[in-house]
N, C-alpha and C. Protein backbone atom coordinates (compact mmCIF):
# COMPACT_ATOMS: atom_id res chain seq x y z
N MET A 1 -19.86 67.26 4.39
CA MET A 1 -20.18 66.53 5.61
C MET A 1 -19.51 65.16 5.59
N MET A 2 -19.61 64.47 4.46
CA MET A 2 -19.02 63.14 4.35
C MET A 2 -17.50 63.22 4.43
N ALA A 3 -16.92 64.26 3.84
CA ALA A 3 -15.46 64.42 3.87
C ALA A 3 -14.96 64.69 5.28
N SER A 4 -15.72 65.45 6.05
CA SER A 4 -15.29 65.74 7.43
C SER A 4 -15.37 64.48 8.30
N GLN A 5 -16.39 63.64 8.06
CA GLN A 5 -16.49 62.39 8.81
C GLN A 5 -15.35 61.46 8.45
N LEU A 6 -15.00 61.40 7.16
CA LEU A 6 -13.90 60.56 6.71
C LEU A 6 -12.59 61.06 7.31
N GLY A 7 -12.41 62.37 7.35
CA GLY A 7 -11.21 62.95 7.94
C GLY A 7 -11.09 62.64 9.42
N SER A 8 -12.20 62.72 10.14
CA SER A 8 -12.15 62.41 11.57
C SER A 8 -11.89 60.92 11.81
N MET A 9 -12.42 60.06 10.92
CA MET A 9 -12.15 58.63 11.06
C MET A 9 -10.67 58.34 10.83
N LEU A 10 -10.08 58.97 9.83
CA LEU A 10 -8.65 58.77 9.57
C LEU A 10 -7.80 59.30 10.71
N THR A 11 -8.21 60.39 11.32
CA THR A 11 -7.48 60.92 12.48
C THR A 11 -7.57 59.95 13.65
N ASN A 12 -8.74 59.35 13.85
CA ASN A 12 -8.89 58.38 14.94
C ASN A 12 -8.08 57.12 14.68
N LEU A 13 -7.94 56.71 13.41
CA LEU A 13 -7.12 55.54 13.10
C LEU A 13 -5.66 55.80 13.41
N GLY A 14 -5.21 57.02 13.26
CA GLY A 14 -3.83 57.36 13.57
C GLY A 14 -3.55 57.35 15.07
N ASN A 15 -4.58 57.44 15.88
CA ASN A 15 -4.42 57.50 17.34
C ASN A 15 -4.64 56.14 18.01
N LEU A 16 -4.59 55.06 17.27
CA LEU A 16 -4.81 53.74 17.86
C LEU A 16 -3.65 53.37 18.77
N SER A 17 -3.98 52.75 19.89
CA SER A 17 -2.92 52.26 20.77
C SER A 17 -2.36 50.96 20.20
N THR A 18 -1.30 50.48 20.79
CA THR A 18 -0.66 49.27 20.26
C THR A 18 -1.55 48.05 20.43
N SER A 19 -2.33 47.99 21.51
CA SER A 19 -3.21 46.84 21.71
C SER A 19 -4.36 46.87 20.70
N ASP A 20 -4.87 48.07 20.40
CA ASP A 20 -5.92 48.17 19.38
C ASP A 20 -5.38 47.79 18.02
N HIS A 21 -4.16 48.23 17.73
CA HIS A 21 -3.55 47.90 16.44
C HIS A 21 -3.31 46.40 16.32
N ALA A 22 -2.84 45.77 17.40
CA ALA A 22 -2.59 44.32 17.36
C ALA A 22 -3.89 43.55 17.18
N SER A 23 -4.96 43.98 17.84
CA SER A 23 -6.23 43.27 17.67
C SER A 23 -6.79 43.49 16.27
N LEU A 24 -6.59 44.68 15.72
CA LEU A 24 -7.04 44.95 14.36
C LEU A 24 -6.29 44.10 13.35
N VAL A 25 -4.99 43.95 13.54
CA VAL A 25 -4.19 43.11 12.64
C VAL A 25 -4.60 41.65 12.76
N SER A 26 -4.82 41.16 13.97
CA SER A 26 -5.18 39.76 14.13
C SER A 26 -6.57 39.46 13.57
N ILE A 27 -7.51 40.38 13.70
CA ILE A 27 -8.84 40.18 13.13
C ILE A 27 -8.77 40.17 11.61
N ASN A 28 -8.00 41.10 11.04
CA ASN A 28 -7.85 41.12 9.58
C ASN A 28 -7.16 39.87 9.06
N LEU A 29 -6.15 39.39 9.78
CA LEU A 29 -5.47 38.16 9.37
C LEU A 29 -6.42 36.97 9.45
N PHE A 30 -7.22 36.91 10.51
CA PHE A 30 -8.17 35.82 10.67
C PHE A 30 -9.19 35.81 9.54
N VAL A 31 -9.74 36.96 9.20
CA VAL A 31 -10.74 37.04 8.13
C VAL A 31 -10.11 36.69 6.79
N ALA A 32 -8.89 37.16 6.54
CA ALA A 32 -8.21 36.84 5.29
C ALA A 32 -7.93 35.35 5.17
N LEU A 33 -7.50 34.72 6.26
CA LEU A 33 -7.26 33.27 6.23
C LEU A 33 -8.55 32.49 6.03
N LEU A 34 -9.61 32.93 6.67
CA LEU A 34 -10.90 32.27 6.52
C LEU A 34 -11.40 32.37 5.07
N CYS A 35 -11.28 33.55 4.49
CA CYS A 35 -11.68 33.72 3.08
C CYS A 35 -10.80 32.89 2.16
N GLY A 36 -9.51 32.85 2.46
CA GLY A 36 -8.60 32.03 1.65
C GLY A 36 -8.95 30.55 1.72
N CYS A 37 -9.29 30.07 2.90
CA CYS A 37 -9.69 28.66 3.05
C CYS A 37 -10.94 28.36 2.24
N ILE A 38 -11.90 29.24 2.28
CA ILE A 38 -13.15 29.02 1.55
C ILE A 38 -12.92 29.03 0.05
N VAL A 39 -12.19 30.04 -0.43
CA VAL A 39 -11.97 30.16 -1.87
C VAL A 39 -11.12 29.01 -2.41
N ILE A 40 -10.02 28.72 -1.74
CA ILE A 40 -9.15 27.63 -2.22
C ILE A 40 -9.86 26.29 -2.08
N GLY A 41 -10.64 26.11 -1.04
CA GLY A 41 -11.39 24.86 -0.88
C GLY A 41 -12.39 24.65 -2.00
N HIS A 42 -13.05 25.72 -2.43
CA HIS A 42 -14.01 25.59 -3.53
C HIS A 42 -13.29 25.39 -4.86
N LEU A 43 -12.12 26.01 -5.03
CA LEU A 43 -11.38 25.82 -6.27
C LEU A 43 -10.85 24.39 -6.40
N LEU A 44 -10.52 23.77 -5.28
CA LEU A 44 -10.01 22.40 -5.30
C LEU A 44 -11.09 21.37 -5.02
N GLU A 45 -12.35 21.75 -5.17
CA GLU A 45 -13.48 20.88 -4.83
C GLU A 45 -13.52 19.62 -5.68
N GLU A 46 -13.09 19.72 -6.93
CA GLU A 46 -13.16 18.57 -7.83
C GLU A 46 -12.05 17.56 -7.56
N ASN A 47 -11.01 17.98 -6.85
CA ASN A 47 -9.92 17.07 -6.52
C ASN A 47 -10.40 16.06 -5.48
N ARG A 48 -10.07 14.80 -5.70
CA ARG A 48 -10.56 13.74 -4.83
C ARG A 48 -9.86 13.73 -3.47
N TRP A 49 -8.61 14.16 -3.42
CA TRP A 49 -7.82 14.03 -2.20
C TRP A 49 -7.77 15.29 -1.36
N VAL A 50 -8.16 16.42 -1.93
CA VAL A 50 -8.05 17.69 -1.20
C VAL A 50 -9.44 18.29 -1.08
N ASN A 51 -9.96 18.37 0.14
CA ASN A 51 -11.25 19.01 0.36
C ASN A 51 -11.05 20.26 1.22
N GLU A 52 -12.13 20.91 1.65
CA GLU A 52 -12.02 22.17 2.37
C GLU A 52 -11.32 22.01 3.72
N SER A 53 -11.54 20.92 4.40
CA SER A 53 -10.90 20.76 5.71
C SER A 53 -9.40 20.56 5.59
N ILE A 54 -8.96 19.81 4.58
CA ILE A 54 -7.52 19.63 4.37
C ILE A 54 -6.89 20.95 3.94
N THR A 55 -7.60 21.71 3.12
CA THR A 55 -7.11 23.02 2.70
C THR A 55 -6.96 23.94 3.91
N ALA A 56 -7.95 23.95 4.79
CA ALA A 56 -7.88 24.79 5.99
C ALA A 56 -6.73 24.36 6.90
N LEU A 57 -6.52 23.06 7.00
CA LEU A 57 -5.42 22.55 7.82
C LEU A 57 -4.07 22.97 7.25
N LEU A 58 -3.90 22.84 5.95
CA LEU A 58 -2.62 23.21 5.32
C LEU A 58 -2.37 24.71 5.41
N ILE A 59 -3.40 25.53 5.20
CA ILE A 59 -3.24 26.98 5.31
C ILE A 59 -2.90 27.36 6.76
N GLY A 60 -3.53 26.71 7.72
CA GLY A 60 -3.22 26.99 9.13
C GLY A 60 -1.81 26.60 9.51
N VAL A 61 -1.35 25.46 9.02
CA VAL A 61 0.03 25.04 9.31
C VAL A 61 1.03 25.99 8.68
N CYS A 62 0.79 26.37 7.43
CA CYS A 62 1.69 27.31 6.74
C CYS A 62 1.71 28.67 7.44
N THR A 63 0.56 29.14 7.88
CA THR A 63 0.50 30.41 8.60
C THR A 63 1.23 30.32 9.93
N GLY A 64 1.06 29.22 10.63
CA GLY A 64 1.76 29.03 11.89
C GLY A 64 3.27 29.00 11.71
N VAL A 65 3.74 28.35 10.66
CA VAL A 65 5.18 28.30 10.39
C VAL A 65 5.70 29.68 10.06
N VAL A 66 4.95 30.45 9.25
CA VAL A 66 5.39 31.81 8.91
C VAL A 66 5.45 32.69 10.15
N ILE A 67 4.45 32.61 11.02
CA ILE A 67 4.44 33.41 12.25
C ILE A 67 5.59 32.98 13.16
N LEU A 68 5.85 31.68 13.25
CA LEU A 68 6.94 31.18 14.08
C LEU A 68 8.29 31.66 13.56
N LEU A 69 8.48 31.64 12.25
CA LEU A 69 9.75 32.07 11.68
C LEU A 69 9.94 33.58 11.78
N THR A 70 8.86 34.35 11.61
CA THR A 70 9.00 35.81 11.69
C THR A 70 9.16 36.30 13.12
N SER A 71 8.64 35.56 14.09
CA SER A 71 8.79 35.97 15.48
C SER A 71 10.09 35.46 16.08
N GLY A 72 10.85 34.70 15.33
CA GLY A 72 12.13 34.22 15.82
C GLY A 72 12.02 33.14 16.86
N GLY A 73 10.94 32.40 16.90
CA GLY A 73 10.76 31.32 17.85
C GLY A 73 10.21 31.78 19.19
N ARG A 74 10.05 33.09 19.37
CA ARG A 74 9.48 33.59 20.62
C ARG A 74 7.97 33.38 20.60
N SER A 75 7.36 33.54 21.74
CA SER A 75 5.91 33.43 21.83
C SER A 75 5.28 34.64 21.16
N SER A 76 4.50 34.40 20.12
CA SER A 76 3.87 35.50 19.40
C SER A 76 2.40 35.55 19.80
N HIS A 77 1.95 36.73 20.14
CA HIS A 77 0.55 36.92 20.52
C HIS A 77 -0.24 37.53 19.39
N LEU A 78 0.17 37.25 18.15
CA LEU A 78 -0.54 37.78 17.00
C LEU A 78 -1.92 37.14 16.88
N LEU A 79 -1.96 35.83 17.00
CA LEU A 79 -3.24 35.12 16.96
C LEU A 79 -3.42 34.42 18.30
N VAL A 80 -4.28 34.96 19.12
CA VAL A 80 -4.55 34.40 20.44
C VAL A 80 -5.93 33.76 20.41
N PHE A 81 -6.03 32.52 20.89
CA PHE A 81 -7.30 31.81 20.88
C PHE A 81 -8.20 32.34 21.99
N SER A 82 -9.41 32.71 21.64
CA SER A 82 -10.37 33.21 22.61
C SER A 82 -11.53 32.22 22.71
N GLU A 83 -11.78 31.75 23.92
CA GLU A 83 -12.87 30.78 24.11
C GLU A 83 -14.22 31.40 23.79
N ASP A 84 -14.40 32.67 24.14
CA ASP A 84 -15.67 33.34 23.86
C ASP A 84 -15.92 33.42 22.35
N LEU A 85 -14.90 33.76 21.61
CA LEU A 85 -15.03 33.82 20.15
C LEU A 85 -15.41 32.46 19.58
N PHE A 86 -14.79 31.41 20.10
CA PHE A 86 -15.09 30.08 19.60
C PHE A 86 -16.52 29.66 19.92
N PHE A 87 -16.93 29.79 21.18
CA PHE A 87 -18.24 29.30 21.58
C PHE A 87 -19.39 30.14 21.05
N ILE A 88 -19.18 31.43 20.85
CA ILE A 88 -20.27 32.29 20.39
C ILE A 88 -20.36 32.35 18.87
N TYR A 89 -19.21 32.45 18.17
CA TYR A 89 -19.25 32.71 16.74
C TYR A 89 -18.86 31.52 15.86
N LEU A 90 -17.98 30.65 16.33
CA LEU A 90 -17.50 29.58 15.46
C LEU A 90 -18.22 28.25 15.67
N LEU A 91 -18.57 27.94 16.89
CA LEU A 91 -19.20 26.65 17.17
C LEU A 91 -20.62 26.51 16.64
N PRO A 92 -21.51 27.52 16.75
CA PRO A 92 -22.87 27.34 16.21
C PRO A 92 -22.93 27.03 14.72
N PRO A 93 -22.15 27.67 13.83
CA PRO A 93 -22.21 27.26 12.42
C PRO A 93 -21.74 25.83 12.20
N ILE A 94 -20.77 25.38 13.00
CA ILE A 94 -20.31 24.00 12.87
C ILE A 94 -21.42 23.04 13.26
N ILE A 95 -22.12 23.34 14.35
CA ILE A 95 -23.21 22.47 14.79
C ILE A 95 -24.36 22.47 13.80
N PHE A 96 -24.74 23.66 13.31
CA PHE A 96 -25.86 23.75 12.35
C PHE A 96 -25.50 23.09 11.02
N ASN A 97 -24.25 23.18 10.61
CA ASN A 97 -23.84 22.55 9.36
C ASN A 97 -23.84 21.02 9.49
N ALA A 98 -23.54 20.52 10.66
CA ALA A 98 -23.51 19.07 10.87
C ALA A 98 -24.93 18.50 10.97
N GLY A 99 -25.89 19.33 11.34
CA GLY A 99 -27.27 18.86 11.54
C GLY A 99 -28.03 18.85 10.33
């Protein structure tokens, strides 16, 4: 039973449209960057000049440069800013952490 469900899931993954694939890639990239910011920020916690926010800024700039260079300077829609995502999922933890 479990093998048949796994097989059907893999078949469905093969049938993803390009927009589904692009959103899946962007979500995975976002989660990986977020995890990288957290881990590297904690590893550099003892450093006086580099904290988590500077680490996040540097990782974001490096990621932006890599995306810009790989897309050849064209407009890349790999990471698109969504206001709903920001106001629903990202802003409340920022507010609660500040309080």
